[in-house]
Amino acid sequence: MIELARRDGIPTLHAEVFPDNVASSRVLEKAGFTQIGKVVRDLPLRGGLRELLVYELGLEPMRGM
């Protein structure tokens, strides 16, 4: 997914995870994402207002494209 986004010229990817989902946070960090903050979203199927951790990955354009 990251390489596809880079190839398509997408400059930044964002991801959000629940704070108690340590495994998903670790996967994002291993992929190069950095936690940039928190956000509260209304997720009715998850009990209403929930806090999420926000991660970001800046992408360098592929060379030779």
N, C-alpha and C. Protein backbone atom coordinates (compact mmCIF):
# COMPACT_ATOMS: atom_id res chain seq x y z
N MET A 1 0.83 -1.17 0.00
CA MET A 1 0.00 0.00 0.00
C MET A 1 0.89 1.25 0.00
N ILE A 2 1.93 1.24 0.81
CA ILE A 2 2.80 2.41 0.89
C ILE A 2 3.47 2.67 -0.46
N GLU A 3 3.97 1.62 -1.08
CA GLU A 3 4.65 1.80 -2.37
C GLU A 3 3.66 2.24 -3.46
N LEU A 4 2.45 1.74 -3.42
CA LEU A 4 1.43 2.15 -4.38
C LEU A 4 1.11 3.63 -4.20
N ALA A 5 0.96 4.07 -2.96
CA ALA A 5 0.69 5.48 -2.69
C ALA A 5 1.85 6.35 -3.15
N ARG A 6 3.06 5.89 -2.88
CA ARG A 6 4.26 6.64 -3.31
C ARG A 6 4.29 6.74 -4.85
N ARG A 7 4.02 5.63 -5.53
CA ARG A 7 4.03 5.61 -6.99
C ARG A 7 2.97 6.54 -7.57
N ASP A 8 1.83 6.64 -6.89
CA ASP A 8 0.74 7.49 -7.36
C ASP A 8 0.89 8.95 -6.96
N GLY A 9 2.00 9.27 -6.29
CA GLY A 9 2.29 10.65 -5.94
C GLY A 9 1.55 11.17 -4.72
N ILE A 10 1.03 10.28 -3.91
CA ILE A 10 0.36 10.70 -2.67
C ILE A 10 1.45 11.12 -1.68
N PRO A 11 1.41 12.36 -1.18
CA PRO A 11 2.52 12.86 -0.36
C PRO A 11 2.52 12.36 1.09
N THR A 12 1.35 12.02 1.63
CA THR A 12 1.27 11.65 3.04
C THR A 12 0.16 10.63 3.27
N LEU A 13 0.44 9.66 4.12
CA LEU A 13 -0.58 8.70 4.55
C LEU A 13 -0.89 8.95 6.02
N HIS A 14 -2.15 8.76 6.39
CA HIS A 14 -2.58 8.89 7.77
C HIS A 14 -3.27 7.59 8.19
N ALA A 15 -3.14 7.27 9.47
CA ALA A 15 -3.81 6.10 10.03
C ALA A 15 -4.27 6.46 11.44
N GLU A 16 -5.35 5.83 11.87
CA GLU A 16 -5.86 6.05 13.22
C GLU A 16 -6.10 4.70 13.87
N VAL A 17 -5.73 4.60 15.15
CA VAL A 17 -5.94 3.36 15.91
C VAL A 17 -6.45 3.71 17.30
N PHE A 18 -7.14 2.75 17.90
CA PHE A 18 -7.57 2.92 19.28
C PHE A 18 -6.34 2.86 20.19
N PRO A 19 -6.29 3.68 21.23
CA PRO A 19 -5.12 3.71 22.10
C PRO A 19 -4.77 2.36 22.73
N ASP A 20 -5.77 1.51 22.97
CA ASP A 20 -5.49 0.22 23.59
C ASP A 20 -5.07 -0.85 22.58
N ASN A 21 -4.99 -0.49 21.31
CA ASN A 21 -4.58 -1.43 20.27
C ASN A 21 -3.07 -1.30 20.03
N VAL A 22 -2.33 -1.80 20.99
CA VAL A 22 -0.87 -1.66 20.97
C VAL A 22 -0.25 -2.36 19.75
N ALA A 23 -0.81 -3.50 19.38
CA ALA A 23 -0.25 -4.24 18.25
C ALA A 23 -0.34 -3.44 16.95
N SER A 24 -1.47 -2.80 16.70
CA SER A 24 -1.61 -2.01 15.48
C SER A 24 -0.70 -0.78 15.50
N SER A 25 -0.57 -0.17 16.67
CA SER A 25 0.35 0.97 16.79
C SER A 25 1.77 0.53 16.46
N ARG A 26 2.15 -0.63 16.94
CA ARG A 26 3.51 -1.15 16.70
C ARG A 26 3.72 -1.43 15.21
N VAL A 27 2.73 -1.99 14.54
CA VAL A 27 2.84 -2.27 13.10
C VAL A 27 3.06 -0.96 12.34
N LEU A 28 2.29 0.07 12.69
CA LEU A 28 2.45 1.37 12.02
C LEU A 28 3.84 1.94 12.25
N GLU A 29 4.32 1.85 13.49
CA GLU A 29 5.66 2.37 13.79
C GLU A 29 6.74 1.61 13.04
N LYS A 30 6.61 0.30 12.94
CA LYS A 30 7.59 -0.49 12.18
C LYS A 30 7.57 -0.14 10.70
N ALA A 31 6.40 0.30 10.20
CA ALA A 31 6.28 0.70 8.79
C ALA A 31 6.77 2.13 8.56
N GLY A 32 7.17 2.83 9.64
CA GLY A 32 7.72 4.17 9.50
C GLY A 32 6.78 5.29 9.88
N PHE A 33 5.56 4.97 10.31
CA PHE A 33 4.62 6.00 10.73
C PHE A 33 5.05 6.60 12.06
N THR A 34 4.70 7.86 12.27
CA THR A 34 4.98 8.57 13.51
C THR A 34 3.66 9.05 14.11
N GLN A 35 3.51 8.86 15.43
CA GLN A 35 2.30 9.35 16.07
C GLN A 35 2.36 10.87 16.12
N ILE A 36 1.30 11.53 15.62
CA ILE A 36 1.29 13.00 15.56
C ILE A 36 0.22 13.62 16.46
N GLY A 37 -0.59 12.79 17.11
CA GLY A 37 -1.59 13.37 17.99
C GLY A 37 -2.74 12.43 18.25
N LYS A 38 -3.80 13.03 18.75
CA LYS A 38 -5.03 12.28 19.08
C LYS A 38 -6.21 13.02 18.48
N VAL A 39 -7.28 12.27 18.26
CA VAL A 39 -8.52 12.85 17.73
C VAL A 39 -9.69 12.12 18.38
N VAL A 40 -10.81 12.80 18.52
CA VAL A 40 -12.02 12.16 19.03
C VAL A 40 -13.00 12.08 17.86
N ARG A 41 -13.49 10.88 17.62
CA ARG A 41 -14.44 10.65 16.52
C ARG A 41 -15.71 10.00 17.09
N ASP A 42 -16.83 10.29 16.44
CA ASP A 42 -18.09 9.65 16.81
C ASP A 42 -18.18 8.33 16.05
N LEU A 43 -18.06 7.25 16.78
CA LEU A 43 -18.12 5.91 16.20
C LEU A 43 -19.28 5.16 16.86
N PRO A 44 -20.50 5.34 16.33
CA PRO A 44 -21.70 4.76 16.96
C PRO A 44 -21.61 3.25 17.20
N LEU A 45 -21.00 2.52 16.28
CA LEU A 45 -20.91 1.07 16.45
C LEU A 45 -19.85 0.67 17.47
N ARG A 46 -19.05 1.64 17.91
CA ARG A 46 -18.02 1.39 18.92
C ARG A 46 -18.31 2.14 20.22
N GLY A 47 -19.55 2.57 20.41
CA GLY A 47 -19.94 3.18 21.67
C GLY A 47 -20.00 4.69 21.67
N GLY A 48 -19.98 5.32 20.52
CA GLY A 48 -20.09 6.78 20.47
C GLY A 48 -18.74 7.45 20.34
N LEU A 49 -18.53 8.50 21.11
CA LEU A 49 -17.28 9.26 21.02
C LEU A 49 -16.12 8.42 21.54
N ARG A 50 -15.09 8.29 20.71
CA ARG A 50 -13.91 7.50 21.07
C ARG A 50 -12.66 8.26 20.68
N GLU A 51 -11.66 8.16 21.52
CA GLU A 51 -10.36 8.76 21.23
C GLU A 51 -9.54 7.80 20.37
N LEU A 52 -8.86 8.37 19.39
CA LEU A 52 -7.98 7.59 18.51
C LEU A 52 -6.62 8.23 18.45
N LEU A 53 -5.59 7.42 18.29
CA LEU A 53 -4.25 7.94 18.04
C LEU A 53 -4.09 8.14 16.54
N VAL A 54 -3.48 9.25 16.16
CA VAL A 54 -3.30 9.58 14.74
C VAL A 54 -1.82 9.41 14.39
N TYR A 55 -1.58 8.68 13.32
CA TYR A 55 -0.22 8.44 12.81
C TYR A 55 -0.10 9.01 11.41
N GLU A 56 1.13 9.37 11.05
CA GLU A 56 1.38 9.96 9.73
C GLU A 56 2.68 9.38 9.16
N LEU A 57 2.70 9.24 7.84
CA LEU A 57 3.90 8.82 7.12
C LEU A 57 4.06 9.71 5.90
N GLY A 58 5.13 10.47 5.88
CA GLY A 58 5.44 11.28 4.70
C GLY A 58 6.11 10.43 3.65
N LEU A 59 5.71 10.59 2.41
CA LEU A 59 6.26 9.76 1.33
C LEU A 59 7.11 10.59 0.39
N GLU A 60 8.26 10.09 0.09
CA GLU A 60 9.11 10.70 -0.92
C GLU A 60 8.65 10.18 -2.27
N PRO A 61 8.62 11.04 -3.29
CA PRO A 61 8.25 10.54 -4.62
C PRO A 61 9.28 9.54 -5.13
N MET A 62 8.80 8.57 -5.91
CA MET A 62 9.72 7.59 -6.49
C MET A 62 10.59 8.29 -7.54
N ARG A 63 11.86 7.97 -7.53
CA ARG A 63 12.78 8.56 -8.51
C ARG A 63 12.58 7.91 -9.87
N GLY A 64 12.77 8.70 -10.90
CA GLY A 64 12.67 8.19 -12.25
C GLY A 64 11.25 8.11 -12.77
N MET A 65 10.34 8.76 -12.09
CA MET A 65 8.95 8.70 -12.54
C MET A 65 8.56 10.03 -13.12
